[in-house]
Amino acid sequence: MSRIDYDSFRTKSWPERVALFDDISAEERAELVRTHISRWLSQHRHELTAEQIAILEESIAFISADLYTLPRNEDLIGRFLDLAKRTSMLLSREQAMDALTMHWDRPRAAAAR
């Protein structure tokens, strides 16, 4: 599959995003996720605490193709889960969903199910 850029990816519907994400390489997945978090952080930096900014910057630095390759590296997944837990203590549920997932345009009630 040809490389898709972030802005193009954002215009896709939820099913299209899921299908595209599944079809791209681990490197491209990591790049999309890092770009998404980075852009969200840039847009919301003024309303975040220093601790929230730090955890998002740590998340950006942590995201690598290794997270999306099989077989899974159990040590890496464990460190990712620890980061996710620490992040959940610093961000609201809505902030985490918007900053860290592809759910930006799904209705909140449907996304929370």
PDB file of N, CA and C in Angstrom:
ATOM      1  N   MET A   1       0.846  -1.183   0.000  1.00  0.00           N
ATOM      2  CA  MET A   1       0.000   0.000   0.000  1.00  0.00           C
ATOM      3  C   MET A   1       0.891   1.245   0.000  1.00  0.00           C
ATOM      4  N   SER A   2       0.452   2.260  -0.689  1.00  0.00           N
ATOM      5  CA  SER A   2       1.235   3.491  -0.702  1.00  0.00           C
ATOM      6  C   SER A   2       1.094   4.212   0.627  1.00  0.00           C
ATOM      7  N   ARG A   3       2.108   4.969   0.933  1.00  0.00           N
ATOM      8  CA  ARG A   3       2.139   5.711   2.189  1.00  0.00           C
ATOM      9  C   ARG A   3       1.000   6.715   2.232  1.00  0.00           C
ATOM     10  N   ILE A   4       0.331   6.795   3.389  1.00  0.00           N
ATOM     11  CA  ILE A   4      -0.732   7.776   3.578  1.00  0.00           C
ATOM     12  C   ILE A   4      -0.252   8.819   4.575  1.00  0.00           C
ATOM     13  N   ASP A   5      -0.506  10.071   4.265  1.00  0.00           N
ATOM     14  CA  ASP A   5      -0.092  11.109   5.193  1.00  0.00           C
ATOM     15  C   ASP A   5      -1.195  11.351   6.223  1.00  0.00           C
ATOM     16  N   TYR A   6      -0.818  11.962   7.327  1.00  0.00           N
ATOM     17  CA  TYR A   6      -1.722  12.164   8.452  1.00  0.00           C
ATOM     18  C   TYR A   6      -2.961  12.973   8.060  1.00  0.00           C
ATOM     19  N   ASP A   7      -2.776  14.072   7.333  1.00  0.00           N
ATOM     20  CA  ASP A   7      -3.916  14.918   6.970  1.00  0.00           C
ATOM     21  C   ASP A   7      -4.923  14.156   6.115  1.00  0.00           C
ATOM     22  N   SER A   8      -4.441  13.324   5.235  1.00  0.00           N
ATOM     23  CA  SER A   8      -5.305  12.498   4.413  1.00  0.00           C
ATOM     24  C   SER A   8      -6.023  11.455   5.284  1.00  0.00           C
ATOM     25  N   PHE A   9      -5.282  10.852   6.189  1.00  0.00           N
ATOM     26  CA  PHE A   9      -5.839   9.855   7.102  1.00  0.00           C
ATOM     27  C   PHE A   9      -6.986  10.444   7.926  1.00  0.00           C
ATOM     28  N   ARG A  10      -6.815  11.678   8.396  1.00  0.00           N
ATOM     29  CA  ARG A  10      -7.841  12.335   9.224  1.00  0.00           C
ATOM     30  C   ARG A  10      -9.154  12.540   8.491  1.00  0.00           C
ATOM     31  N   THR A  11      -9.125  12.617   7.176  1.00  0.00           N
ATOM     32  CA  THR A  11     -10.360  12.870   6.422  1.00  0.00           C
ATOM     33  C   THR A  11     -11.190  11.610   6.234  1.00  0.00           C
ATOM     34  N   LYS A  12     -10.630  10.471   6.544  1.00  0.00           N
ATOM     35  CA  LYS A  12     -11.320   9.196   6.307  1.00  0.00           C
ATOM     36  C   LYS A  12     -12.364   8.922   7.392  1.00  0.00           C
ATOM     37  N   SER A  13     -13.352   8.124   7.018  1.00  0.00           N
ATOM     38  CA  SER A  13     -14.356   7.684   7.982  1.00  0.00           C
ATOM     39  C   SER A  13     -13.717   6.691   8.949  1.00  0.00           C
ATOM     40  N   TRP A  14     -14.424   6.425  10.051  1.00  0.00           N
ATOM     41  CA  TRP A  14     -13.914   5.467  11.034  1.00  0.00           C
ATOM     42  C   TRP A  14     -13.569   4.117  10.393  1.00  0.00           C
ATOM     43  N   PRO A  15     -14.477   3.497   9.623  1.00  0.00           N
ATOM     44  CA  PRO A  15     -14.127   2.198   9.021  1.00  0.00           C
ATOM     45  C   PRO A  15     -12.927   2.292   8.074  1.00  0.00           C
ATOM     46  N   GLU A  16     -12.828   3.386   7.339  1.00  0.00           N
ATOM     47  CA  GLU A  16     -11.688   3.565   6.438  1.00  0.00           C
ATOM     48  C   GLU A  16     -10.387   3.709   7.226  1.00  0.00           C
ATOM     49  N   ARG A  17     -10.420   4.449   8.330  1.00  0.00           N
ATOM     50  CA  ARG A  17      -9.219   4.611   9.157  1.00  0.00           C
ATOM     51  C   ARG A  17      -8.753   3.267   9.698  1.00  0.00           C
ATOM     52  N   VAL A  18      -9.692   2.483  10.200  1.00  0.00           N
ATOM     53  CA  VAL A  18      -9.338   1.169  10.751  1.00  0.00           C
ATOM     54  C   VAL A  18      -8.716   0.295   9.662  1.00  0.00           C
ATOM     55  N   ALA A  19      -9.337   0.264   8.492  1.00  0.00           N
ATOM     56  CA  ALA A  19      -8.819  -0.561   7.394  1.00  0.00           C
ATOM     57  C   ALA A  19      -7.431  -0.073   6.948  1.00  0.00           C
ATOM     58  N   LEU A  20      -7.272   1.224   6.816  1.00  0.00           N
ATOM     59  CA  LEU A  20      -5.976   1.777   6.419  1.00  0.00           C
ATOM     60  C   LEU A  20      -4.905   1.468   7.453  1.00  0.00           C
ATOM     61  N   PHE A  21      -5.236   1.665   8.721  1.00  0.00           N
ATOM     62  CA  PHE A  21      -4.271   1.415   9.796  1.00  0.00           C
ATOM     63  C   PHE A  21      -3.824  -0.042   9.776  1.00  0.00           C
ATOM     64  N   ASP A  22      -4.778  -0.943   9.545  1.00  0.00           N
ATOM     65  CA  ASP A  22      -4.447  -2.368   9.494  1.00  0.00           C
ATOM     66  C   ASP A  22      -3.565  -2.719   8.299  1.00  0.00           C
ATOM     67  N   ASP A  23      -3.653  -1.933   7.218  1.00  0.00           N
ATOM     68  CA  ASP A  23      -2.936  -2.242   5.981  1.00  0.00           C
ATOM     69  C   ASP A  23      -1.550  -1.612   5.863  1.00  0.00           C
ATOM     70  N   ILE A  24      -1.236  -0.650   6.704  1.00  0.00           N
ATOM     71  CA  ILE A  24       0.054   0.026   6.575  1.00  0.00           C
ATOM     72  C   ILE A  24       1.109  -0.656   7.439  1.00  0.00           C
ATOM     73  N   SER A  25       2.339  -0.319   7.177  1.00  0.00           N
ATOM     74  CA  SER A  25       3.450  -0.941   7.900  1.00  0.00           C
ATOM     75  C   SER A  25       3.497  -0.471   9.350  1.00  0.00           C
ATOM     76  N   ALA A  26       4.234  -1.192  10.148  1.00  0.00           N
ATOM     77  CA  ALA A  26       4.413  -0.825  11.558  1.00  0.00           C
ATOM     78  C   ALA A  26       5.049   0.558  11.680  1.00  0.00           C
ATOM     79  N   GLU A  27       5.990   0.864  10.793  1.00  0.00           N
ATOM     80  CA  GLU A  27       6.633   2.178  10.816  1.00  0.00           C
ATOM     81  C   GLU A  27       5.620   3.288  10.533  1.00  0.00           C
ATOM     82  N   GLU A  28       4.751   3.049   9.544  1.00  0.00           N
ATOM     83  CA  GLU A  28       3.736   4.044   9.199  1.00  0.00           C
ATOM     84  C   GLU A  28       2.708   4.202  10.325  1.00  0.00           C
ATOM     85  N   ARG A  29       2.359   3.112  10.964  1.00  0.00           N
ATOM     86  CA  ARG A  29       1.437   3.193  12.107  1.00  0.00           C
ATOM     87  C   ARG A  29       2.031   4.066  13.198  1.00  0.00           C
ATOM     88  N   ALA A  30       3.281   3.791  13.540  1.00  0.00           N
ATOM     89  CA  ALA A  30       3.942   4.569  14.589  1.00  0.00           C
ATOM     90  C   ALA A  30       4.008   6.046  14.207  1.00  0.00           C
ATOM     91  N   GLU A  31       4.324   6.324  12.965  1.00  0.00           N
ATOM     92  CA  GLU A  31       4.412   7.720  12.504  1.00  0.00           C
ATOM     93  C   GLU A  31       3.055   8.415  12.603  1.00  0.00           C
ATOM     94  N   LEU A  32       1.982   7.729  12.202  1.00  0.00           N
ATOM     95  CA  LEU A  32       0.641   8.319  12.319  1.00  0.00           C
ATOM     96  C   LEU A  32       0.299   8.623  13.777  1.00  0.00           C
ATOM     97  N   VAL A  33       0.596   7.689  14.661  1.00  0.00           N
ATOM     98  CA  VAL A  33       0.268   7.867  16.080  1.00  0.00           C
ATOM     99  C   VAL A  33       1.097   9.006  16.674  1.00  0.00           C
ATOM    100  N   ARG A  34       2.381   9.027  16.393  1.00  0.00           N
ATOM    101  CA  ARG A  34       3.227  10.128  16.899  1.00  0.00           C
ATOM    102  C   ARG A  34       2.747  11.475  16.375  1.00  0.00           C
ATOM    103  N   THR A  35       2.401  11.530  15.103  1.00  0.00           N
ATOM    104  CA  THR A  35       1.912  12.783  14.514  1.00  0.00           C
ATOM    105  C   THR A  35       0.620  13.215  15.183  1.00  0.00           C
ATOM    106  N   HIS A  36      -0.280  12.271  15.397  1.00  0.00           N
ATOM    107  CA  HIS A  36      -1.561  12.604  16.024  1.00  0.00           C
ATOM    108  C   HIS A  36      -1.353  13.185  17.423  1.00  0.00           C
ATOM    109  N   ILE A  37      -0.569  12.504  18.239  1.00  0.00           N
ATOM    110  CA  ILE A  37      -0.330  12.986  19.605  1.00  0.00           C
ATOM    111  C   ILE A  37       0.382  14.340  19.567  1.00  0.00           C
ATOM    112  N   SER A  38       1.370  14.476  18.701  1.00  0.00           N
ATOM    113  CA  SER A  38       2.115  15.737  18.604  1.00  0.00           C
ATOM    114  C   SER A  38       1.214  16.905  18.218  1.00  0.00           C
ATOM    115  N   ARG A  39       0.364  16.683  17.244  1.00  0.00           N
ATOM    116  CA  ARG A  39      -0.534  17.769  16.825  1.00  0.00           C
ATOM    117  C   ARG A  39      -1.549  18.107  17.906  1.00  0.00           C
ATOM    118  N   TRP A  40      -2.079  17.075  18.561  1.00  0.00           N
ATOM    119  CA  TRP A  40      -3.039  17.339  19.643  1.00  0.00           C
ATOM    120  C   TRP A  40      -2.350  18.126  20.752  1.00  0.00           C
ATOM    121  N   LEU A  41      -1.149  17.733  21.107  1.00  0.00           N
ATOM    122  CA  LEU A  41      -0.396  18.428  22.136  1.00  0.00           C
ATOM    123  C   LEU A  41      -0.155  19.885  21.737  1.00  0.00           C
ATOM    124  N   SER A  42       0.214  20.125  20.507  1.00  0.00           N
ATOM    125  CA  SER A  42       0.442  21.500  20.042  1.00  0.00           C
ATOM    126  C   SER A  42      -0.827  22.342  20.158  1.00  0.00           C
ATOM    127  N   GLN A  43      -1.962  21.760  19.833  1.00  0.00           N
ATOM    128  CA  GLN A  43      -3.239  22.494  19.872  1.00  0.00           C
ATOM    129  C   GLN A  43      -3.728  22.737  21.294  1.00  0.00           C
ATOM    130  N   HIS A  44      -3.343  21.888  22.244  1.00  0.00           N
ATOM    131  CA  HIS A  44      -3.899  21.963  23.597  1.00  0.00           C
ATOM    132  C   HIS A  44      -2.867  22.305  24.670  1.00  0.00           C
ATOM    133  N   ARG A  45      -1.632  22.528  24.280  1.00  0.00           N
ATOM    134  CA  ARG A  45      -0.551  22.775  25.234  1.00  0.00           C
ATOM    135  C   ARG A  45      -0.906  23.870  26.239  1.00  0.00           C
ATOM    136  N   HIS A  46      -1.554  24.928  25.778  1.00  0.00           N
ATOM    137  CA  HIS A  46      -1.879  26.075  26.641  1.00  0.00           C
ATOM    138  C   HIS A  46      -2.850  25.727  27.768  1.00  0.00           C
ATOM    139  N   GLU A  47      -3.583  24.637  27.636  1.00  0.00           N
ATOM    140  CA  GLU A  47      -4.560  24.263  28.665  1.00  0.00           C
ATOM    141  C   GLU A  47      -4.115  23.075  29.507  1.00  0.00           C
ATOM    142  N   LEU A  48      -2.888  22.608  29.304  1.00  0.00           N
ATOM    143  CA  LEU A  48      -2.381  21.438  30.019  1.00  0.00           C
ATOM    144  C   LEU A  48      -1.385  21.839  31.098  1.00  0.00           C
ATOM    145  N   THR A  49      -1.296  20.992  32.120  1.00  0.00           N
ATOM    146  CA  THR A  49      -0.296  21.203  33.170  1.00  0.00           C
ATOM    147  C   THR A  49       1.065  20.715  32.663  1.00  0.00           C
ATOM    148  N   ALA A  50       2.106  21.082  33.378  1.00  0.00           N
ATOM    149  CA  ALA A  50       3.450  20.621  33.021  1.00  0.00           C
ATOM    150  C   ALA A  50       3.533  19.095  33.050  1.00  0.00           C
ATOM    151  N   GLU A  51       2.857  18.463  33.999  1.00  0.00           N
ATOM    152  CA  GLU A  51       2.873  17.000  34.108  1.00  0.00           C
ATOM    153  C   GLU A  51       2.156  16.355  32.918  1.00  0.00           C
ATOM    154  N   GLN A  52       1.045  16.952  32.488  1.00  0.00           N
ATOM    155  CA  GLN A  52       0.324  16.421  31.337  1.00  0.00           C
ATOM    156  C   GLN A  52       1.168  16.548  30.066  1.00  0.00           C
ATOM    157  N   ILE A  53       1.817  17.690  29.899  1.00  0.00           N
ATOM    158  CA  ILE A  53       2.686  17.883  28.740  1.00  0.00           C
ATOM    159  C   ILE A  53       3.815  16.856  28.759  1.00  0.00           C
ATOM    160  N   ALA A  54       4.405  16.644  29.914  1.00  0.00           N
ATOM    161  CA  ALA A  54       5.522  15.701  30.036  1.00  0.00           C
ATOM    162  C   ALA A  54       5.100  14.281  29.686  1.00  0.00           C
ATOM    163  N   ILE A  55       3.924  13.849  30.132  1.00  0.00           N
ATOM    164  CA  ILE A  55       3.499  12.475  29.854  1.00  0.00           C
ATOM    165  C   ILE A  55       3.176  12.307  28.373  1.00  0.00           C
ATOM    166  N   LEU A  56       2.633  13.336  27.742  1.00  0.00           N
ATOM    167  CA  LEU A  56       2.365  13.257  26.309  1.00  0.00           C
ATOM    168  C   LEU A  56       3.669  13.244  25.509  1.00  0.00           C
ATOM    169  N   GLU A  57       4.632  14.034  25.933  1.00  0.00           N
ATOM    170  CA  GLU A  57       5.937  14.007  25.271  1.00  0.00           C
ATOM    171  C   GLU A  57       6.612  12.650  25.456  1.00  0.00           C
ATOM    172  N   GLU A  58       6.454  12.059  26.628  1.00  0.00           N
ATOM    173  CA  GLU A  58       6.987  10.717  26.864  1.00  0.00           C
ATOM    174  C   GLU A  58       6.296   9.701  25.957  1.00  0.00           C
ATOM    175  N   SER A  59       4.997   9.859  25.780  1.00  0.00           N
ATOM    176  CA  SER A  59       4.244   8.961  24.898  1.00  0.00           C
ATOM    177  C   SER A  59       4.729   9.070  23.458  1.00  0.00           C
ATOM    178  N   ILE A  60       4.932  10.288  22.994  1.00  0.00           N
ATOM    179  CA  ILE A  60       5.427  10.490  21.625  1.00  0.00           C
ATOM    180  C   ILE A  60       6.777   9.803  21.450  1.00  0.00           C
ATOM    181  N   ALA A  61       7.654   9.986  22.413  1.00  0.00           N
ATOM    182  CA  ALA A  61       8.989   9.389  22.339  1.00  0.00           C
ATOM    183  C   ALA A  61       8.933   7.859  22.413  1.00  0.00           C
ATOM    184  N   PHE A  62       7.933   7.321  23.098  1.00  0.00           N
ATOM    185  CA  PHE A  62       7.833   5.881  23.304  1.00  0.00           C
ATOM    186  C   PHE A  62       7.299   5.150  22.065  1.00  0.00           C
ATOM    187  N   ILE A  63       6.437   5.796  21.295  1.00  0.00           N
ATOM    188  CA  ILE A  63       5.784   5.142  20.165  1.00  0.00           C
ATOM    189  C   ILE A  63       6.820   4.786  19.101  1.00  0.00           C
ATOM    190  N   SER A  64       6.913   3.503  18.800  1.00  0.00           N
ATOM    191  CA  SER A  64       7.840   3.033  17.769  1.00  0.00           C
ATOM    192  C   SER A  64       7.180   1.896  16.994  1.00  0.00           C
ATOM    193  N   ALA A  65       7.778   1.565  15.882  1.00  0.00           N
ATOM    194  CA  ALA A  65       7.259   0.468  15.059  1.00  0.00           C
ATOM    195  C   ALA A  65       7.212  -0.841  15.840  1.00  0.00           C
ATOM    196  N   ASP A  66       8.105  -0.988  16.817  1.00  0.00           N
ATOM    197  CA  ASP A  66       8.136  -2.226  17.611  1.00  0.00           C
ATOM    198  C   ASP A  66       6.820  -2.503  18.325  1.00  0.00           C
ATOM    199  N   LEU A  67       6.051  -1.462  18.615  1.00  0.00           N
ATOM    200  CA  LEU A  67       4.748  -1.657  19.264  1.00  0.00           C
ATOM    201  C   LEU A  67       3.743  -2.336  18.335  1.00  0.00           C
ATOM    202  N   TYR A  68       3.987  -2.254  17.038  1.00  0.00           N
ATOM    203  CA  TYR A  68       3.031  -2.746  16.046  1.00  0.00           C
ATOM    204  C   TYR A  68       3.522  -3.968  15.286  1.00  0.00           C
ATOM    205  N   THR A  69       4.612  -4.574  15.738  1.00  0.00           N
ATOM    206  CA  THR A  69       5.135  -5.749  15.051  1.00  0.00           C
ATOM    207  C   THR A  69       4.792  -7.018  15.830  1.00  0.00           C
ATOM    208  N   LEU A  70       4.697  -8.105  15.100  1.00  0.00           N
ATOM    209  CA  LEU A  70       4.428  -9.410  15.697  1.00  0.00           C
ATOM    210  C   LEU A  70       5.655 -10.279  15.530  1.00  0.00           C
ATOM    211  N   PRO A  71       5.963 -11.167  16.436  1.00  0.00           N
ATOM    212  CA  PRO A  71       5.259 -11.330  17.712  1.00  0.00           C
ATOM    213  C   PRO A  71       5.535 -10.156  18.645  1.00  0.00           C
ATOM    214  N   ARG A  72       4.620  -9.940  19.557  1.00  0.00           N
ATOM    215  CA  ARG A  72       4.732  -8.835  20.507  1.00  0.00           C
ATOM    216  C   ARG A  72       5.912  -9.049  21.458  1.00  0.00           C
ATOM    217  N   ASN A  73       6.592  -7.964  21.737  1.00  0.00           N
ATOM    218  CA  ASN A  73       7.669  -7.965  22.726  1.00  0.00           C
ATOM    219  C   ASN A  73       7.005  -7.718  24.082  1.00  0.00           C
ATOM    220  N   GLU A  74       6.965  -8.734  24.923  1.00  0.00           N
ATOM    221  CA  GLU A  74       6.230  -8.641  26.190  1.00  0.00           C
ATOM    222  C   GLU A  74       6.785  -7.552  27.114  1.00  0.00           C
ATOM    223  N   ASP A  75       8.099  -7.368  27.134  1.00  0.00           N
ATOM    224  CA  ASP A  75       8.689  -6.311  27.948  1.00  0.00           C
ATOM    225  C   ASP A  75       8.228  -4.939  27.461  1.00  0.00           C
ATOM    226  N   LEU A  76       8.241  -4.750  26.150  1.00  0.00           N
ATOM    227  CA  LEU A  76       7.801  -3.481  25.562  1.00  0.00           C
ATOM    228  C   LEU A  76       6.323  -3.231  25.858  1.00  0.00           C
ATOM    229  N   ILE A  77       5.499  -4.255  25.720  1.00  0.00           N
ATOM    230  CA  ILE A  77       4.068  -4.116  26.002  1.00  0.00           C
ATOM    231  C   ILE A  77       3.856  -3.783  27.478  1.00  0.00           C
ATOM    232  N   GLY A  78       4.607  -4.392  28.353  1.00  0.00           N
ATOM    233  CA  GLY A  78       4.511  -4.082  29.782  1.00  0.00           C
ATOM    234  C   GLY A  78       4.857  -2.630  30.065  1.00  0.00           C
ATOM    235  N   ARG A  79       5.915  -2.139  29.412  1.00  0.00           N
ATOM    236  CA  ARG A  79       6.292  -0.735  29.598  1.00  0.00           C
ATOM    237  C   ARG A  79       5.231   0.194  29.014  1.00  0.00           C
ATOM    238  N   PHE A  80       4.631  -0.218  27.897  1.00  0.00           N
ATOM    239  CA  PHE A  80       3.551   0.566  27.295  1.00  0.00           C
ATOM    240  C   PHE A  80       2.345   0.631  28.234  1.00  0.00           C
ATOM    241  N   LEU A  81       1.988  -0.492  28.832  1.00  0.00           N
ATOM    242  CA  LEU A  81       0.847  -0.522  29.756  1.00  0.00           C
ATOM    243  C   LEU A  81       1.111   0.339  30.991  1.00  0.00           C
ATOM    244  N   ASP A  82       2.345   0.342  31.467  1.00  0.00           N
ATOM    245  CA  ASP A  82       2.709   1.220  32.584  1.00  0.00           C
ATOM    246  C   ASP A  82       2.555   2.688  32.177  1.00  0.00           C
ATOM    247  N   LEU A  83       3.024   3.035  30.993  1.00  0.00           N
ATOM    248  CA  LEU A  83       2.877   4.404  30.494  1.00  0.00           C
ATOM    249  C   LEU A  83       1.398   4.764  30.356  1.00  0.00           C
ATOM    250  N   ALA A  84       0.596   3.853  29.841  1.00  0.00           N
ATOM    251  CA  ALA A  84      -0.841   4.097  29.688  1.00  0.00           C
ATOM    252  C   ALA A  84      -1.508   4.333  31.050  1.00  0.00           C
ATOM    253  N   LYS A  85      -1.106   3.563  32.047  1.00  0.00           N
ATOM    254  CA  LYS A  85      -1.665   3.721  33.392  1.00  0.00           C
ATOM    255  C   LYS A  85      -1.293   5.085  33.964  1.00  0.00           C
ATOM    256  N   ARG A  86      -0.028   5.465  33.828  1.00  0.00           N
ATOM    257  CA  ARG A  86       0.397   6.773  34.331  1.00  0.00           C
ATOM    258  C   ARG A  86      -0.299   7.902  33.582  1.00  0.00           C
ATOM    259  N   THR A  87      -0.497   7.713  32.280  1.00  0.00           N
ATOM    260  CA  THR A  87      -1.187   8.717  31.469  1.00  0.00           C
ATOM    261  C   THR A  87      -2.633   8.870  31.918  1.00  0.00           C
ATOM    262  N   SER A  88      -3.291   7.760  32.208  1.00  0.00           N
ATOM    263  CA  SER A  88      -4.700   7.807  32.613  1.00  0.00           C
ATOM    264  C   SER A  88      -4.893   8.527  33.947  1.00  0.00           C
ATOM    265  N   MET A  89      -3.842   8.608  34.740  1.00  0.00           N
ATOM    266  CA  MET A  89      -3.933   9.322  36.015  1.00  0.00           C
ATOM    267  C   MET A  89      -3.762  10.830  35.826  1.00  0.00           C
ATOM    268  N   LEU A  90      -3.250  11.241  34.666  1.00  0.00           N
ATOM    269  CA  LEU A  90      -2.979  12.660  34.436  1.00  0.00           C
ATOM    270  C   LEU A  90      -3.932  13.331  33.448  1.00  0.00           C
ATOM    271  N   LEU A  91      -4.499  12.552  32.539  1.00  0.00           N
ATOM    272  CA  LEU A  91      -5.410  13.118  31.548  1.00  0.00           C
ATOM    273  C   LEU A  91      -6.843  12.709  31.854  1.00  0.00           C
ATOM    274  N   SER A  92      -7.786  13.585  31.516  1.00  0.00           N
ATOM    275  CA  SER A  92      -9.189  13.199  31.631  1.00  0.00           C
ATOM    276  C   SER A  92      -9.476  12.125  30.580  1.00  0.00           C
ATOM    277  N   ARG A  93     -10.570  11.441  30.737  1.00  0.00           N
ATOM    278  CA  ARG A  93     -10.949  10.409  29.762  1.00  0.00           C
ATOM    279  C   ARG A  93     -11.087  11.023  28.369  1.00  0.00           C
ATOM    280  N   GLU A  94     -11.709  12.186  28.298  1.00  0.00           N
ATOM    281  CA  GLU A  94     -11.899  12.853  27.008  1.00  0.00           C
ATOM    282  C   GLU A  94     -10.563  13.282  26.409  1.00  0.00           C
ATOM    283  N   GLN A  95      -9.681  13.839  27.225  1.00  0.00           N
ATOM    284  CA  GLN A  95      -8.351  14.222  26.723  1.00  0.00           C
ATOM    285  C   GLN A  95      -7.606  13.003  26.187  1.00  0.00           C
ATOM    286  N   ALA A  96      -7.629  11.928  26.931  1.00  0.00           N
ATOM    287  CA  ALA A  96      -6.924  10.718  26.511  1.00  0.00           C
ATOM    288  C   ALA A  96      -7.503  10.173  25.209  1.00  0.00           C
ATOM    289  N   MET A  97      -8.825  10.160  25.091  1.00  0.00           N
ATOM    290  CA  MET A  97      -9.454   9.654  23.879  1.00  0.00           C
ATOM    291  C   MET A  97      -9.067  10.518  22.681  1.00  0.00           C
ATOM    292  N   ASP A  98      -9.131  11.832  22.857  1.00  0.00           N
ATOM    293  CA  ASP A  98      -8.815  12.739  21.753  1.00  0.00           C
ATOM    294  C   ASP A  98      -7.333  12.706  21.387  1.00  0.00           C
ATOM    295  N   ALA A  99      -6.469  12.658  22.382  1.00  0.00           N
ATOM    296  CA  ALA A  99      -5.032  12.752  22.142  1.00  0.00           C
ATOM    297  C   ALA A  99      -4.404  11.433  21.709  1.00  0.00           C
ATOM    298  N   LEU A 100      -4.940  10.322  22.187  1.00  0.00           N
ATOM    299  CA  LEU A 100      -4.229   9.056  22.057  1.00  0.00           C
ATOM    300  C   LEU A 100      -4.930   7.996  21.214  1.00  0.00           C
ATOM    301  N   THR A 101      -6.093   8.324  20.646  1.00  0.00           N
ATOM    302  CA  THR A 101      -6.820   7.326  19.859  1.00  0.00           C
ATOM    303  C   THR A 101      -7.271   7.904  18.525  1.00  0.00           C
ATOM    304  N   MET A 102      -7.817   7.056  17.688  1.00  0.00           N
ATOM    305  CA  MET A 102      -8.372   7.476  16.388  1.00  0.00           C
ATOM    306  C   MET A 102      -9.856   7.799  16.501  1.00  0.00           C
ATOM    307  N   HIS A 103     -10.364   8.036  17.700  1.00  0.00           N
ATOM    308  CA  HIS A 103     -11.790   8.245  17.929  1.00  0.00           C
ATOM    309  C   HIS A 103     -12.227   9.700  17.866  1.00  0.00           C
ATOM    310  N   TRP A 104     -11.473  10.568  17.214  1.00  0.00           N
ATOM    311  CA  TRP A 104     -11.733  11.994  17.297  1.00  0.00           C
ATOM    312  C   TRP A 104     -13.088  12.447  16.787  1.00  0.00           C
ATOM    313  N   ASP A 105     -13.741  11.704  15.901  1.00  0.00           N
ATOM    314  CA  ASP A 105     -15.021  12.174  15.376  1.00  0.00           C
ATOM    315  C   ASP A 105     -16.188  11.242  15.667  1.00  0.00           C
ATOM    316  N   ARG A 106     -15.947  10.255  16.515  1.00  0.00           N
ATOM    317  CA  ARG A 106     -17.033   9.333  16.859  1.00  0.00           C
ATOM    318  C   ARG A 106     -17.844   9.932  18.000  1.00  0.00           C
ATOM    319  N   PRO A 107     -19.140   9.745  17.976  1.00  0.00           N
ATOM    320  CA  PRO A 107     -19.955  10.239  19.094  1.00  0.00           C
ATOM    321  C   PRO A 107     -19.454   9.643  20.398  1.00  0.00           C
ATOM    322  N   ARG A 108     -19.408  10.463  21.439  1.00  0.00           N
ATOM    323  CA  ARG A 108     -18.857  10.017  22.734  1.00  0.00           C
ATOM    324  C   ARG A 108     -19.589   8.794  23.279  1.00  0.00           C
ATOM    325  N   ALA A 109     -20.904   8.771  23.179  1.00  0.00           N
ATOM    326  CA  ALA A 109     -21.656   7.644  23.735  1.00  0.00           C
ATOM    327  C   ALA A 109     -21.270   6.337  23.025  1.00  0.00           C
ATOM    328  N   ALA A 110     -21.112   6.381  21.709  1.00  0.00           N
ATOM    329  CA  ALA A 110     -20.761   5.185  20.972  1.00  0.00           C
ATOM    330  C   ALA A 110     -19.321   4.779  21.257  1.00  0.00           C
ATOM    331  N   ALA A 111     -18.440   5.742  21.364  1.00  0.00           N
ATOM    332  CA  ALA A 111     -17.018   5.440  21.597  1.00  0.00           C
ATOM    333  C   ALA A 111     -16.781   4.891  22.989  1.00  0.00           C
ATOM    334  N   ALA A 112     -17.621   5.262  23.945  1.00  0.00           N
ATOM    335  CA  ALA A 112     -17.430   4.834  25.334  1.00  0.00           C
ATOM    336  C   ALA A 112     -17.897   3.409  25.565  1.00  0.00           C
ATOM    337  N   ARG A 113     -18.667   2.847  24.647  1.00  0.00           N
ATOM    338  CA  ARG A 113     -19.190   1.486  24.831  1.00  0.00           C
ATOM    339  C   ARG A 113     -18.125   0.449  24.804  1.00  0.00           C
TER     340      ARG A 113
END
